């Protein structure tokens, strides 16, 4: 599996996803500011992976300071704020920061090596728990697919978007292992082309045959019977089951419903945000215009063109067949089924 992000000798190391598939390059972050920049600039992306990276970034930041308790607490708050400011939509980022805050608060008075080691252990635990969660999501999701599954996925919800194995691609991997997978189609996913650059690269690394399609081709393939299920990941899931995911997901959900196809969302429990009532309350990140006006550094739109570049959209819960988490499968009404998954 892809080594998305790791701790190596006091450095946070991650594969630089901006360079894939042309170059497999590792980015070495030597302080929490560099981790924050990597998240903000999309060197690492995907909600669970962002959470893991932020946790490791906080562990790294504390290991580099030798401040006394009072000063350390102020520095810690600044570290948390710096990482929290990187991406507004993916709730796993804030979940991981809050978990690290609780650990810090429990041990801040002890300081020193005890605190530093405890925070690193917590970050590594978040990483390992995410890996285990993805493997379980894959197992549960594969059970939902038809015997000869012809799956469409969007963006990249694979090993690169998590600690490893993946959410939506975890379902694909498990289905392939069970012999249930007949075909995989991946949207190219403009404007960052995560489907073309990352999902295809991942699946080809695993020897899973996949077909790349333009974002606008999904309806045609559904109508012709070439797709019989849609599986996507998520960046935040509201209490009522509304799902924020990469821009273009909402359109796929509408198409799936029109063609009578199941629309499954695969995400860990850390992506569930029961404090957010509905998708209308989820902040949607707007990214720079050049991501739309340029491809691989080359301008494809006229100078001065007006641009909207929302990174995510919200799929209303009425289009979602089921939400697959490591603790089980939630079905409508989600306002009742999701809290049962979150409860200990």
C-alpha atoms as a PDB file:
ATOM      1  CA  UNK A   1       0.000   0.000   0.000  1.00  0.00           C
ATOM      2  CA  UNK A   2       1.033   3.585  -0.585  1.00  0.00           C
ATOM      3  CA  UNK A   3       3.050   5.166   2.290  1.00  0.00           C
ATOM      4  CA  UNK A   4       0.845   8.253   2.449  1.00  0.00           C
ATOM      5  CA  UNK A   5       2.360   9.848   5.563  1.00  0.00           C
ATOM      6  CA  UNK A   6       4.791   8.550   8.178  1.00  0.00           C
ATOM      7  CA  UNK A   7       7.002   9.524  11.111  1.00  0.00           C
ATOM      8  CA  UNK A   8      10.699   8.947  10.435  1.00  0.00           C
ATOM      9  CA  UNK A   9      13.378  10.007  12.900  1.00  0.00           C
ATOM     10  CA  UNK A  10      11.697  13.218  13.995  1.00  0.00           C
ATOM     11  CA  UNK A  11      10.451  14.187  10.526  1.00  0.00           C
ATOM     12  CA  UNK A  12       6.948  13.898   9.011  1.00  0.00           C
ATOM     13  CA  UNK A  13       7.417  12.246   5.632  1.00  0.00           C
ATOM     14  CA  UNK A  14       4.699  12.102   2.982  1.00  0.00           C
ATOM     15  CA  UNK A  15       4.419  11.262  -0.671  1.00  0.00           C
ATOM     16  CA  UNK A  16       4.024  14.507  -2.607  1.00  0.00           C
ATOM     17  CA  UNK A  17       0.730  13.916  -4.383  1.00  0.00           C
ATOM     18  CA  UNK A  18       1.143  16.996  -6.566  1.00  0.00           C
ATOM     19  CA  UNK A  19       3.880  15.198  -8.478  1.00  0.00           C
ATOM     20  CA  UNK A  20       2.033  11.955  -9.145  1.00  0.00           C
ATOM     21  CA  UNK A  21       1.881  10.033 -11.405  1.00  0.00           C
ATOM     22  CA  UNK A  22       4.933  11.373 -13.210  1.00  0.00           C
ATOM     23  CA  UNK A  23       7.209  11.322 -10.163  1.00  0.00           C
ATOM     24  CA  UNK A  24       7.121   9.443  -6.873  1.00  0.00           C
ATOM     25  CA  UNK A  25       8.695  12.031  -4.593  1.00  0.00           C
ATOM     26  CA  UNK A  26       8.779  12.201  -0.800  1.00  0.00           C
ATOM     27  CA  UNK A  27       8.267  15.483   1.011  1.00  0.00           C
ATOM     28  CA  UNK A  28      10.016  15.843   4.374  1.00  0.00           C
ATOM     29  CA  UNK A  29       8.396  18.265   6.811  1.00  0.00           C
ATOM     30  CA  UNK A  30      10.741  19.357   9.587  1.00  0.00           C
ATOM     31  CA  UNK A  31       8.330  21.536  11.572  1.00  0.00           C
ATOM     32  CA  UNK A  32       4.589  22.012  11.965  1.00  0.00           C
ATOM     33  CA  UNK A  33       4.585  24.999   9.620  1.00  0.00           C
ATOM     34  CA  UNK A  34       5.831  22.786   6.800  1.00  0.00           C
ATOM     35  CA  UNK A  35       3.142  20.217   7.585  1.00  0.00           C
ATOM     36  CA  UNK A  36       0.524  22.974   7.448  1.00  0.00           C
ATOM     37  CA  UNK A  37       1.867  24.173   4.101  1.00  0.00           C
ATOM     38  CA  UNK A  38       1.773  20.613   2.726  1.00  0.00           C
ATOM     39  CA  UNK A  39      -1.905  20.320   3.683  1.00  0.00           C
ATOM     40  CA  UNK A  40      -2.852  23.748   2.366  1.00  0.00           C
ATOM     41  CA  UNK A  41      -0.986  23.294  -0.925  1.00  0.00           C
ATOM     42  CA  UNK A  42      -2.398  19.805  -1.569  1.00  0.00           C
ATOM     43  CA  UNK A  43       0.858  17.880  -1.243  1.00  0.00           C
ATOM     44  CA  UNK A  44      -1.266  15.707   1.009  1.00  0.00           C
ATOM     45  CA  UNK A  45      -5.059  15.618   0.667  1.00  0.00           C
ATOM     46  CA  UNK A  46      -8.023  13.463   1.545  1.00  0.00           C
ATOM     47  CA  UNK A  47      -9.864  14.005   4.817  1.00  0.00           C
ATOM     48  CA  UNK A  48      -8.451  11.086   6.868  1.00  0.00           C
ATOM     49  CA  UNK A  49      -4.883  11.664   5.599  1.00  0.00           C
ATOM     50  CA  UNK A  50      -5.130  15.350   6.488  1.00  0.00           C
ATOM     51  CA  UNK A  51      -6.160  14.389  10.021  1.00  0.00           C
ATOM     52  CA  UNK A  52      -3.221  12.025  10.419  1.00  0.00           C
ATOM     53  CA  UNK A  53      -0.788  14.598   9.012  1.00  0.00           C
ATOM     54  CA  UNK A  54      -2.084  17.303  11.369  1.00  0.00           C
ATOM     55  CA  UNK A  55      -1.715  15.020  14.387  1.00  0.00           C
ATOM     56  CA  UNK A  56       1.866  14.177  13.405  1.00  0.00           C
ATOM     57  CA  UNK A  57       2.529  17.866  12.757  1.00  0.00           C
ATOM     58  CA  UNK A  58       1.435  18.745  16.283  1.00  0.00           C
ATOM     59  CA  UNK A  59       3.600  15.990  17.744  1.00  0.00           C
ATOM     60  CA  UNK A  60       6.497  17.356  15.726  1.00  0.00           C
ATOM     61  CA  UNK A  61       5.880  20.927  16.880  1.00  0.00           C
ATOM     62  CA  UNK A  62       5.934  20.015  20.572  1.00  0.00           C
ATOM     63  CA  UNK A  63       9.103  17.946  20.200  1.00  0.00           C
ATOM     64  CA  UNK A  64      10.887  20.984  18.803  1.00  0.00           C
ATOM     65  CA  UNK A  65      10.103  23.347  21.664  1.00  0.00           C
ATOM     66  CA  UNK A  66      11.730  23.430  25.079  1.00  0.00           C
ATOM     67  CA  UNK A  67       9.469  26.103  26.545  1.00  0.00           C
ATOM     68  CA  UNK A  68       8.256  26.068  30.124  1.00  0.00           C
ATOM     69  CA  UNK A  69       4.663  25.024  30.829  1.00  0.00           C
ATOM     70  CA  UNK A  70       3.063  28.474  30.654  1.00  0.00           C
ATOM     71  CA  UNK A  71       4.795  29.462  27.424  1.00  0.00           C
ATOM     72  CA  UNK A  72       4.313  26.011  25.943  1.00  0.00           C
ATOM     73  CA  UNK A  73       0.549  26.229  26.286  1.00  0.00           C
ATOM     74  CA  UNK A  74       0.490  29.447  24.258  1.00  0.00           C
ATOM     75  CA  UNK A  75       2.769  27.937  21.628  1.00  0.00           C
ATOM     76  CA  UNK A  76       0.566  24.835  21.512  1.00  0.00           C
ATOM     77  CA  UNK A  77      -2.521  26.968  20.848  1.00  0.00           C
ATOM     78  CA  UNK A  78      -0.696  28.657  17.983  1.00  0.00           C
ATOM     79  CA  UNK A  79       0.298  25.280  16.519  1.00  0.00           C
ATOM     80  CA  UNK A  80      -3.292  24.041  16.637  1.00  0.00           C
ATOM     81  CA  UNK A  81      -4.560  27.262  15.056  1.00  0.00           C
ATOM     82  CA  UNK A  82      -1.978  27.105  12.273  1.00  0.00           C
ATOM     83  CA  UNK A  83      -2.988  23.572  11.280  1.00  0.00           C
ATOM     84  CA  UNK A  84      -6.716  24.228  11.707  1.00  0.00           C
ATOM     85  CA  UNK A  85      -6.509  27.133   9.254  1.00  0.00           C
ATOM     86  CA  UNK A  86      -5.283  24.984   6.358  1.00  0.00           C
ATOM     87  CA  UNK A  87      -8.523  23.437   4.982  1.00  0.00           C
ATOM     88  CA  UNK A  88     -12.009  24.352   6.247  1.00  0.00           C
ATOM     89  CA  UNK A  89     -14.233  21.525   4.968  1.00  0.00           C
ATOM     90  CA  UNK A  90     -12.601  18.232   5.984  1.00  0.00           C
ATOM     91  CA  UNK A  91     -13.819  17.579   9.526  1.00  0.00           C
ATOM     92  CA  UNK A  92     -11.176  14.891  10.192  1.00  0.00           C
ATOM     93  CA  UNK A  93      -8.649  17.720  10.460  1.00  0.00           C
ATOM     94  CA  UNK A  94     -10.500  19.299  13.379  1.00  0.00           C
ATOM     95  CA  UNK A  95     -11.320  15.917  14.920  1.00  0.00           C
ATOM     96  CA  UNK A  96      -7.615  14.996  15.002  1.00  0.00           C
ATOM     97  CA  UNK A  97      -6.584  18.391  16.396  1.00  0.00           C
ATOM     98  CA  UNK A  98      -9.201  18.143  19.137  1.00  0.00           C
ATOM     99  CA  UNK A  99      -8.045  14.643  20.058  1.00  0.00           C
ATOM    100  CA  UNK A 100      -4.466  15.876  20.300  1.00  0.00           C
ATOM    101  CA  UNK A 101      -5.667  18.840  22.413  1.00  0.00           C
ATOM    102  CA  UNK A 102      -7.261  16.486  24.921  1.00  0.00           C
ATOM    103  CA  UNK A 103      -4.040  14.512  25.226  1.00  0.00           C
ATOM    104  CA  UNK A 104      -2.014  17.692  25.647  1.00  0.00           C
ATOM    105  CA  UNK A 105      -4.356  19.033  28.336  1.00  0.00           C
ATOM    106  CA  UNK A 106      -4.140  15.769  30.285  1.00  0.00           C
ATOM    107  CA  UNK A 107      -0.335  15.851  30.412  1.00  0.00           C
ATOM    108  CA  UNK A 108       0.693  19.498  29.962  1.00  0.00           C
ATOM    109  CA  UNK A 109       1.641  19.892  33.603  1.00  0.00           C
ATOM    110  CA  UNK A 110       4.210  17.110  33.319  1.00  0.00           C
ATOM    111  CA  UNK A 111       5.816  18.597  30.223  1.00  0.00           C
ATOM    112  CA  UNK A 112       9.159  17.363  28.941  1.00  0.00           C
ATOM    113  CA  UNK A 113       9.696  13.918  27.508  1.00  0.00           C
ATOM    114  CA  UNK A 114       6.476  12.537  28.991  1.00  0.00           C
ATOM    115  CA  UNK A 115       4.346  15.014  27.052  1.00  0.00           C
ATOM    116  CA  UNK A 116       6.363  14.749  23.849  1.00  0.00           C
ATOM    117  CA  UNK A 117       6.256  10.948  23.834  1.00  0.00           C
ATOM    118  CA  UNK A 118       2.561  10.852  24.683  1.00  0.00           C
ATOM    119  CA  UNK A 119       1.642  13.191  21.832  1.00  0.00           C
ATOM    120  CA  UNK A 120       3.669  11.191  19.335  1.00  0.00           C
ATOM    121  CA  UNK A 121       2.031   7.985  20.564  1.00  0.00           C
ATOM    122  CA  UNK A 122      -1.397   9.583  20.160  1.00  0.00           C
ATOM    123  CA  UNK A 123      -0.641  10.703  16.611  1.00  0.00           C
ATOM    124  CA  UNK A 124       0.653   7.256  15.669  1.00  0.00           C
ATOM    125  CA  UNK A 125      -2.455   5.710  17.236  1.00  0.00           C
ATOM    126  CA  UNK A 126      -4.645   7.932  15.036  1.00  0.00           C
ATOM    127  CA  UNK A 127      -2.689   6.702  12.035  1.00  0.00           C
ATOM    128  CA  UNK A 128      -3.029   3.018  12.919  1.00  0.00           C
ATOM    129  CA  UNK A 129      -6.701   3.347  13.826  1.00  0.00           C
ATOM    130  CA  UNK A 130      -7.419   4.946  10.466  1.00  0.00           C
ATOM    131  CA  UNK A 131      -5.687   2.114   8.639  1.00  0.00           C
ATOM    132  CA  UNK A 132      -7.713  -0.480  10.544  1.00  0.00           C
ATOM    133  CA  UNK A 133     -10.902   1.516   9.987  1.00  0.00           C
ATOM    134  CA  UNK A 134     -10.350   1.634   6.235  1.00  0.00           C
ATOM    135  CA  UNK A 135      -9.802  -2.106   6.053  1.00  0.00           C
ATOM    136  CA  UNK A 136     -13.060  -2.705   7.915  1.00  0.00           C
ATOM    137  CA  UNK A 137     -14.899  -0.183   5.720  1.00  0.00           C
ATOM    138  CA  UNK A 138     -13.619  -2.092   2.715  1.00  0.00           C
ATOM    139  CA  UNK A 139     -14.982  -5.360   4.045  1.00  0.00           C
ATOM    140  CA  UNK A 140     -18.404  -3.951   4.915  1.00  0.00           C
ATOM    141  CA  UNK A 141     -18.697  -1.996   1.676  1.00  0.00           C
ATOM    142  CA  UNK A 142     -17.752  -4.950  -0.505  1.00  0.00           C
ATOM    143  CA  UNK A 143     -20.637  -6.922   0.998  1.00  0.00           C
ATOM    144  CA  UNK A 144     -23.078  -4.317  -0.345  1.00  0.00           C
ATOM    145  CA  UNK A 145     -21.910  -4.547  -3.955  1.00  0.00           C
ATOM    146  CA  UNK A 146     -23.551  -6.846  -6.507  1.00  0.00           C
ATOM    147  CA  UNK A 147     -21.844 -10.101  -7.486  1.00  0.00           C
ATOM    148  CA  UNK A 148     -20.397  -8.590 -10.668  1.00  0.00           C
ATOM    149  CA  UNK A 149     -19.794  -5.041  -9.498  1.00  0.00           C
ATOM    150  CA  UNK A 150     -19.163  -2.324 -12.053  1.00  0.00           C
ATOM    151  CA  UNK A 151     -18.228   0.569  -9.810  1.00  0.00           C
ATOM    152  CA  UNK A 152     -17.851   4.262 -10.526  1.00  0.00           C
ATOM    153  CA  UNK A 153     -15.798   6.338  -8.095  1.00  0.00           C
ATOM    154  CA  UNK A 154     -14.965  10.035  -7.957  1.00  0.00           C
ATOM    155  CA  UNK A 155     -11.852  11.952  -6.914  1.00  0.00           C
ATOM    156  CA  UNK A 156      -9.422   9.831  -4.867  1.00  0.00           C
ATOM    157  CA  UNK A 157     -10.656   8.125  -1.720  1.00  0.00           C
ATOM    158  CA  UNK A 158      -7.880   5.584  -1.644  1.00  0.00           C
ATOM    159  CA  UNK A 159      -4.691   4.845   0.238  1.00  0.00           C
ATOM    160  CA  UNK A 160      -3.395   8.284  -0.745  1.00  0.00           C
ATOM    161  CA  UNK A 161      -6.369   9.938   0.969  1.00  0.00           C
ATOM    162  CA  UNK A 162      -6.032   7.954   4.194  1.00  0.00           C
ATOM    163  CA  UNK A 163      -3.402   6.272   6.334  1.00  0.00           C
ATOM    164  CA  UNK A 164      -3.583   3.431   3.811  1.00  0.00           C
ATOM    165  CA  UNK A 165      -6.015   1.104   1.984  1.00  0.00           C
ATOM    166  CA  UNK A 166      -8.633   3.796   1.440  1.00  0.00           C
ATOM    167  CA  UNK A 167     -12.355   4.302   1.968  1.00  0.00           C
ATOM    168  CA  UNK A 168     -14.098   4.129  -1.427  1.00  0.00           C
ATOM    169  CA  UNK A 169     -11.056   2.411  -2.920  1.00  0.00           C
ATOM    170  CA  UNK A 170     -10.918   0.219   0.173  1.00  0.00           C
ATOM    171  CA  UNK A 171     -14.335  -1.068  -0.910  1.00  0.00           C
ATOM    172  CA  UNK A 172     -12.963  -1.598  -4.423  1.00  0.00           C
ATOM    173  CA  UNK A 173      -9.874  -3.411  -3.127  1.00  0.00           C
ATOM    174  CA  UNK A 174     -11.937  -5.701  -0.898  1.00  0.00           C
ATOM    175  CA  UNK A 175     -14.397  -6.429  -3.710  1.00  0.00           C
ATOM    176  CA  UNK A 176     -11.497  -7.340  -5.987  1.00  0.00           C
ATOM    177  CA  UNK A 177     -10.087  -9.683  -3.359  1.00  0.00           C
ATOM    178  CA  UNK A 178     -13.473 -11.384  -3.043  1.00  0.00           C
ATOM    179  CA  UNK A 179     -13.779 -11.811  -6.802  1.00  0.00           C
ATOM    180  CA  UNK A 180     -16.834  -9.519  -6.954  1.00  0.00           C
ATOM    181  CA  UNK A 181     -15.278  -6.730  -8.993  1.00  0.00           C
ATOM    182  CA  UNK A 182     -15.948  -6.770 -12.724  1.00  0.00           C
ATOM    183  CA  UNK A 183     -15.002  -3.167 -13.586  1.00  0.00           C
ATOM    184  CA  UNK A 184     -13.933   0.122 -12.036  1.00  0.00           C
ATOM    185  CA  UNK A 185     -14.508   3.502 -13.643  1.00  0.00           C
ATOM    186  CA  UNK A 186     -12.775   6.603 -12.271  1.00  0.00           C
ATOM    187  CA  UNK A 187     -13.852  10.159 -13.035  1.00  0.00           C
ATOM    188  CA  UNK A 188     -10.898  12.356 -13.953  1.00  0.00           C
ATOM    189  CA  UNK A 189     -12.174  14.860 -11.320  1.00  0.00           C
ATOM    190  CA  UNK A 190     -11.394  18.373 -12.425  1.00  0.00           C
ATOM    191  CA  UNK A 191      -9.718  20.659 -11.606  1.00  0.00           C
ATOM    192  CA  UNK A 192      -7.005  18.774  -9.684  1.00  0.00           C
ATOM    193  CA  UNK A 193      -7.522  15.543 -11.648  1.00  0.00           C
ATOM    194  CA  UNK A 194      -7.268  13.362  -8.557  1.00  0.00           C
ATOM    195  CA  UNK A 195      -9.085  10.548 -10.341  1.00  0.00           C
ATOM    196  CA  UNK A 196      -6.810  10.620 -13.370  1.00  0.00           C
ATOM    197  CA  UNK A 197      -3.559  11.212 -11.523  1.00  0.00           C
ATOM    198  CA  UNK A 198      -4.075   9.384  -8.241  1.00  0.00           C
ATOM    199  CA  UNK A 199      -6.896   6.837  -8.386  1.00  0.00           C
ATOM    200  CA  UNK A 200      -5.678   5.288 -11.635  1.00  0.00           C
ATOM    201  CA  UNK A 201      -2.108   5.274 -10.354  1.00  0.00           C
ATOM    202  CA  UNK A 202      -3.137   3.547  -7.117  1.00  0.00           C
ATOM    203  CA  UNK A 203      -5.245   0.888  -8.780  1.00  0.00           C
ATOM    204  CA  UNK A 204      -2.588   0.181 -11.387  1.00  0.00           C
ATOM    205  CA  UNK A 205      -0.028  -0.211  -8.582  1.00  0.00           C
ATOM    206  CA  UNK A 206      -2.333  -2.874  -7.115  1.00  0.00           C
ATOM    207  CA  UNK A 207      -2.908  -4.609 -10.426  1.00  0.00           C
ATOM    208  CA  UNK A 208      -6.619  -3.685 -10.423  1.00  0.00           C
ATOM    209  CA  UNK A 209      -7.779  -2.849 -13.931  1.00  0.00           C
ATOM    210  CA  UNK A 210      -9.591   0.491 -14.099  1.00  0.00           C
ATOM    211  CA  UNK A 211     -10.978   2.773 -16.787  1.00  0.00           C
ATOM    212  CA  UNK A 212     -10.609   6.544 -16.730  1.00  0.00           C
ATOM    213  CA  UNK A 213     -13.553   8.660 -17.918  1.00  0.00           C
ATOM    214  CA  UNK A 214     -14.188  12.373 -18.323  1.00  0.00           C
ATOM    215  CA  UNK A 215     -16.404  13.784 -15.596  1.00  0.00           C
ATOM    216  CA  UNK A 216     -19.210  14.348 -18.078  1.00  0.00           C
ATOM    217  CA  UNK A 217     -19.255  10.739 -19.319  1.00  0.00           C
ATOM    218  CA  UNK A 218     -20.876   9.165 -16.257  1.00  0.00           C
ATOM    219  CA  UNK A 219     -24.485   9.597 -17.402  1.00  0.00           C
ATOM    220  CA  UNK A 220     -23.803   7.881 -20.720  1.00  0.00           C
ATOM    221  CA  UNK A 221     -22.180   4.871 -19.048  1.00  0.00           C
ATOM    222  CA  UNK A 222     -24.959   4.566 -16.492  1.00  0.00           C
ATOM    223  CA  UNK A 223     -27.599   4.680 -19.227  1.00  0.00           C
ATOM    224  CA  UNK A 224     -25.786   1.992 -21.215  1.00  0.00           C
ATOM    225  CA  UNK A 225     -25.633  -0.337 -18.203  1.00  0.00           C
ATOM    226  CA  UNK A 226     -21.856  -0.249 -17.800  1.00  0.00           C
ATOM    227  CA  UNK A 227     -22.074   0.993 -14.189  1.00  0.00           C
ATOM    228  CA  UNK A 228     -24.178  -0.657 -11.471  1.00  0.00           C
ATOM    229  CA  UNK A 229     -22.957   1.128  -8.304  1.00  0.00           C
ATOM    230  CA  UNK A 230     -21.344   4.405  -7.251  1.00  0.00           C
ATOM    231  CA  UNK A 231     -18.951   4.495  -4.281  1.00  0.00           C
ATOM    232  CA  UNK A 232     -17.409   7.744  -3.047  1.00  0.00           C
ATOM    233  CA  UNK A 233     -15.608   9.017   0.014  1.00  0.00           C
ATOM    234  CA  UNK A 234     -16.495  12.052   2.130  1.00  0.00           C
ATOM    235  CA  UNK A 235     -14.877  15.042   3.782  1.00  0.00           C
ATOM    236  CA  UNK A 236     -17.703  15.738   6.221  1.00  0.00           C
ATOM    237  CA  UNK A 237     -21.051  14.083   6.905  1.00  0.00           C
ATOM    238  CA  UNK A 238     -23.712  16.127   8.693  1.00  0.00           C
ATOM    239  CA  UNK A 239     -26.083  14.774  11.336  1.00  0.00           C
ATOM    240  CA  UNK A 240     -28.911  14.351   8.825  1.00  0.00           C
ATOM    241  CA  UNK A 241     -26.726  12.376   6.393  1.00  0.00           C
ATOM    242  CA  UNK A 242     -25.879  15.204   3.968  1.00  0.00           C
ATOM    243  CA  UNK A 243     -22.430  14.512   2.537  1.00  0.00           C
ATOM    244  CA  UNK A 244     -19.713  17.011   1.616  1.00  0.00           C
ATOM    245  CA  UNK A 245     -17.281  15.552  -0.888  1.00  0.00           C
ATOM    246  CA  UNK A 246     -15.199  16.618  -3.864  1.00  0.00           C
ATOM    247  CA  UNK A 247     -17.001  18.905  -6.306  1.00  0.00           C
ATOM    248  CA  UNK A 248     -18.986  16.837  -8.796  1.00  0.00           C
ATOM    249  CA  UNK A 249     -20.175  14.248  -6.270  1.00  0.00           C
ATOM    250  CA  UNK A 250     -23.657  15.779  -6.021  1.00  0.00           C
ATOM    251  CA  UNK A 251     -24.153  15.462  -9.786  1.00  0.00           C
ATOM    252  CA  UNK A 252     -23.204  11.772  -9.652  1.00  0.00           C
ATOM    253  CA  UNK A 253     -25.696  11.161  -6.863  1.00  0.00           C
ATOM    254  CA  UNK A 254     -28.502  12.688  -8.933  1.00  0.00           C
ATOM    255  CA  UNK A 255     -27.489  10.585 -11.930  1.00  0.00           C
ATOM    256  CA  UNK A 256     -27.360   7.435  -9.826  1.00  0.00           C
ATOM    257  CA  UNK A 257     -30.884   8.022  -8.528  1.00  0.00           C
ATOM    258  CA  UNK A 258     -32.193   8.728 -12.038  1.00  0.00           C
ATOM    259  CA  UNK A 259     -30.750   5.427 -13.267  1.00  0.00           C
ATOM    260  CA  UNK A 260     -31.801   3.385 -10.227  1.00  0.00           C
ATOM    261  CA  UNK A 261     -28.259   2.746  -9.014  1.00  0.00           C
ATOM    262  CA  UNK A 262     -27.095   2.567  -5.381  1.00  0.00           C
ATOM    263  CA  UNK A 263     -25.004   5.493  -4.192  1.00  0.00           C
ATOM    264  CA  UNK A 264     -22.717   4.490  -1.318  1.00  0.00           C
ATOM    265  CA  UNK A 265     -20.553   6.763   0.825  1.00  0.00           C
ATOM    266  CA  UNK A 266     -17.524   5.197   2.536  1.00  0.00           C
ATOM    267  CA  UNK A 267     -15.945   7.133   5.411  1.00  0.00           C
ATOM    268  CA  UNK A 268     -14.581   6.560   8.930  1.00  0.00           C
ATOM    269  CA  UNK A 269     -16.535   7.606  12.000  1.00  0.00           C
ATOM    270  CA  UNK A 270     -14.147  10.573  12.363  1.00  0.00           C
ATOM    271  CA  UNK A 271     -15.788  12.058   9.241  1.00  0.00           C
ATOM    272  CA  UNK A 272     -19.202  12.144  10.922  1.00  0.00           C
ATOM    273  CA  UNK A 273     -20.002  15.587  12.294  1.00  0.00           C
ATOM    274  CA  UNK A 274     -23.121  15.236  14.395  1.00  0.00           C
ATOM    275  CA  UNK A 275     -22.666  18.800  15.680  1.00  0.00           C
ATOM    276  CA  UNK A 276     -23.465  20.072  12.182  1.00  0.00           C
ATOM    277  CA  UNK A 277     -27.216  19.663  11.585  1.00  0.00           C
ATOM    278  CA  UNK A 278     -27.206  19.612   7.771  1.00  0.00           C
ATOM    279  CA  UNK A 279     -25.108  20.186   4.698  1.00  0.00           C
ATOM    280  CA  UNK A 280     -26.215  23.821   4.621  1.00  0.00           C
ATOM    281  CA  UNK A 281     -24.026  24.350   7.709  1.00  0.00           C
ATOM    282  CA  UNK A 282     -20.846  22.825   6.218  1.00  0.00           C
ATOM    283  CA  UNK A 283     -18.239  25.428   5.163  1.00  0.00           C
ATOM    284  CA  UNK A 284     -17.280  24.938   1.512  1.00  0.00           C
ATOM    285  CA  UNK A 285     -13.713  25.799   0.620  1.00  0.00           C
ATOM    286  CA  UNK A 286     -13.148  28.070  -2.382  1.00  0.00           C
ATOM    287  CA  UNK A 287      -9.746  27.539  -3.939  1.00  0.00           C
ATOM    288  CA  UNK A 288      -7.646  29.783  -6.211  1.00  0.00           C
ATOM    289  CA  UNK A 289      -8.829  30.586  -9.733  1.00  0.00           C
ATOM    290  CA  UNK A 290      -5.638  29.357 -11.407  1.00  0.00           C
ATOM    291  CA  UNK A 291      -6.595  25.779 -10.580  1.00  0.00           C
ATOM    292  CA  UNK A 292      -9.419  26.140 -13.101  1.00  0.00           C
ATOM    293  CA  UNK A 293      -7.797  28.448 -15.638  1.00  0.00           C
ATOM    294  CA  UNK A 294      -4.606  26.374 -15.930  1.00  0.00           C
ATOM    295  CA  UNK A 295      -3.797  22.714 -16.497  1.00  0.00           C
ATOM    296  CA  UNK A 296      -0.281  21.533 -15.599  1.00  0.00           C
ATOM    297  CA  UNK A 297       0.828  25.167 -15.438  1.00  0.00           C
ATOM    298  CA  UNK A 298      -0.532  26.042 -18.884  1.00  0.00           C
ATOM    299  CA  UNK A 299      -3.354  28.563 -19.279  1.00  0.00           C
ATOM    300  CA  UNK A 300      -6.491  27.111 -20.867  1.00  0.00           C
ATOM    301  CA  UNK A 301      -8.880  30.036 -20.250  1.00  0.00           C
ATOM    302  CA  UNK A 302      -8.688  33.635 -21.482  1.00  0.00           C
ATOM    303  CA  UNK A 303      -6.870  36.209 -19.392  1.00  0.00           C
ATOM    304  CA  UNK A 304      -9.279  37.970 -17.057  1.00  0.00           C
ATOM    305  CA  UNK A 305     -11.900  35.200 -17.075  1.00  0.00           C
ATOM    306  CA  UNK A 306     -14.149  35.180 -13.998  1.00  0.00           C
ATOM    307  CA  UNK A 307     -13.862  31.915 -12.050  1.00  0.00           C
ATOM    308  CA  UNK A 308     -15.674  30.053  -9.288  1.00  0.00           C
ATOM    309  CA  UNK A 309     -13.731  27.198  -7.804  1.00  0.00           C
ATOM    310  CA  UNK A 310     -15.608  25.490  -4.944  1.00  0.00           C
ATOM    311  CA  UNK A 311     -13.561  22.478  -3.882  1.00  0.00           C
ATOM    312  CA  UNK A 312     -16.572  20.541  -2.564  1.00  0.00           C
ATOM    313  CA  UNK A 313     -20.301  20.190  -2.956  1.00  0.00           C
ATOM    314  CA  UNK A 314     -22.971  18.757  -0.662  1.00  0.00           C
ATOM    315  CA  UNK A 315     -25.042  15.728  -1.631  1.00  0.00           C
ATOM    316  CA  UNK A 316     -28.433  15.799   0.141  1.00  0.00           C
ATOM    317  CA  UNK A 317     -29.108  12.693   2.203  1.00  0.00           C
ATOM    318  CA  UNK A 318     -32.102  11.714   0.065  1.00  0.00           C
ATOM    319  CA  UNK A 319     -29.689  10.623  -2.668  1.00  0.00           C
ATOM    320  CA  UNK A 320     -27.539   8.454  -0.376  1.00  0.00           C
ATOM    321  CA  UNK A 321     -28.319   4.728  -0.266  1.00  0.00           C
ATOM    322  CA  UNK A 322     -26.034   3.959   2.675  1.00  0.00           C
ATOM    323  CA  UNK A 323     -23.041   5.305   4.592  1.00  0.00           C
ATOM    324  CA  UNK A 324     -20.377   2.700   5.351  1.00  0.00           C
ATOM    325  CA  UNK A 325     -18.226   3.245   8.448  1.00  0.00           C
ATOM    326  CA  UNK A 326     -15.884   0.940  10.343  1.00  0.00           C
ATOM    327  CA  UNK A 327     -18.580   0.422  12.975  1.00  0.00           C
ATOM    328  CA  UNK A 328     -21.307  -0.577  10.570  1.00  0.00           C
ATOM    329  CA  UNK A 329     -23.582   0.533   7.755  1.00  0.00           C
ATOM    330  CA  UNK A 330     -25.999   3.430   8.285  1.00  0.00           C
ATOM    331  CA  UNK A 331     -29.171   3.635   6.226  1.00  0.00           C
ATOM    332  CA  UNK A 332     -31.999   6.192   6.150  1.00  0.00           C
ATOM    333  CA  UNK A 333     -33.189   7.797   8.295  1.00  0.00           C
ATOM    334  CA  UNK A 334     -29.618   8.889   8.956  1.00  0.00           C
ATOM    335  CA  UNK A 335     -30.598  11.168  11.831  1.00  0.00           C
ATOM    336  CA  UNK A 336     -31.309   7.928  13.720  1.00  0.00           C
ATOM    337  CA  UNK A 337     -28.709   5.523  12.293  1.00  0.00           C
ATOM    338  CA  UNK A 338     -25.609   7.761  12.384  1.00  0.00           C
ATOM    339  CA  UNK A 339     -25.706   8.467  16.152  1.00  0.00           C
ATOM    340  CA  UNK A 340     -25.729   4.718  16.779  1.00  0.00           C
ATOM    341  CA  UNK A 341     -22.415   4.421  14.921  1.00  0.00           C
ATOM    342  CA  UNK A 342     -20.812   7.293  16.824  1.00  0.00           C
ATOM    343  CA  UNK A 343     -21.877   6.098  20.290  1.00  0.00           C
ATOM    344  CA  UNK A 344     -19.197   4.047  22.085  1.00  0.00           C
END
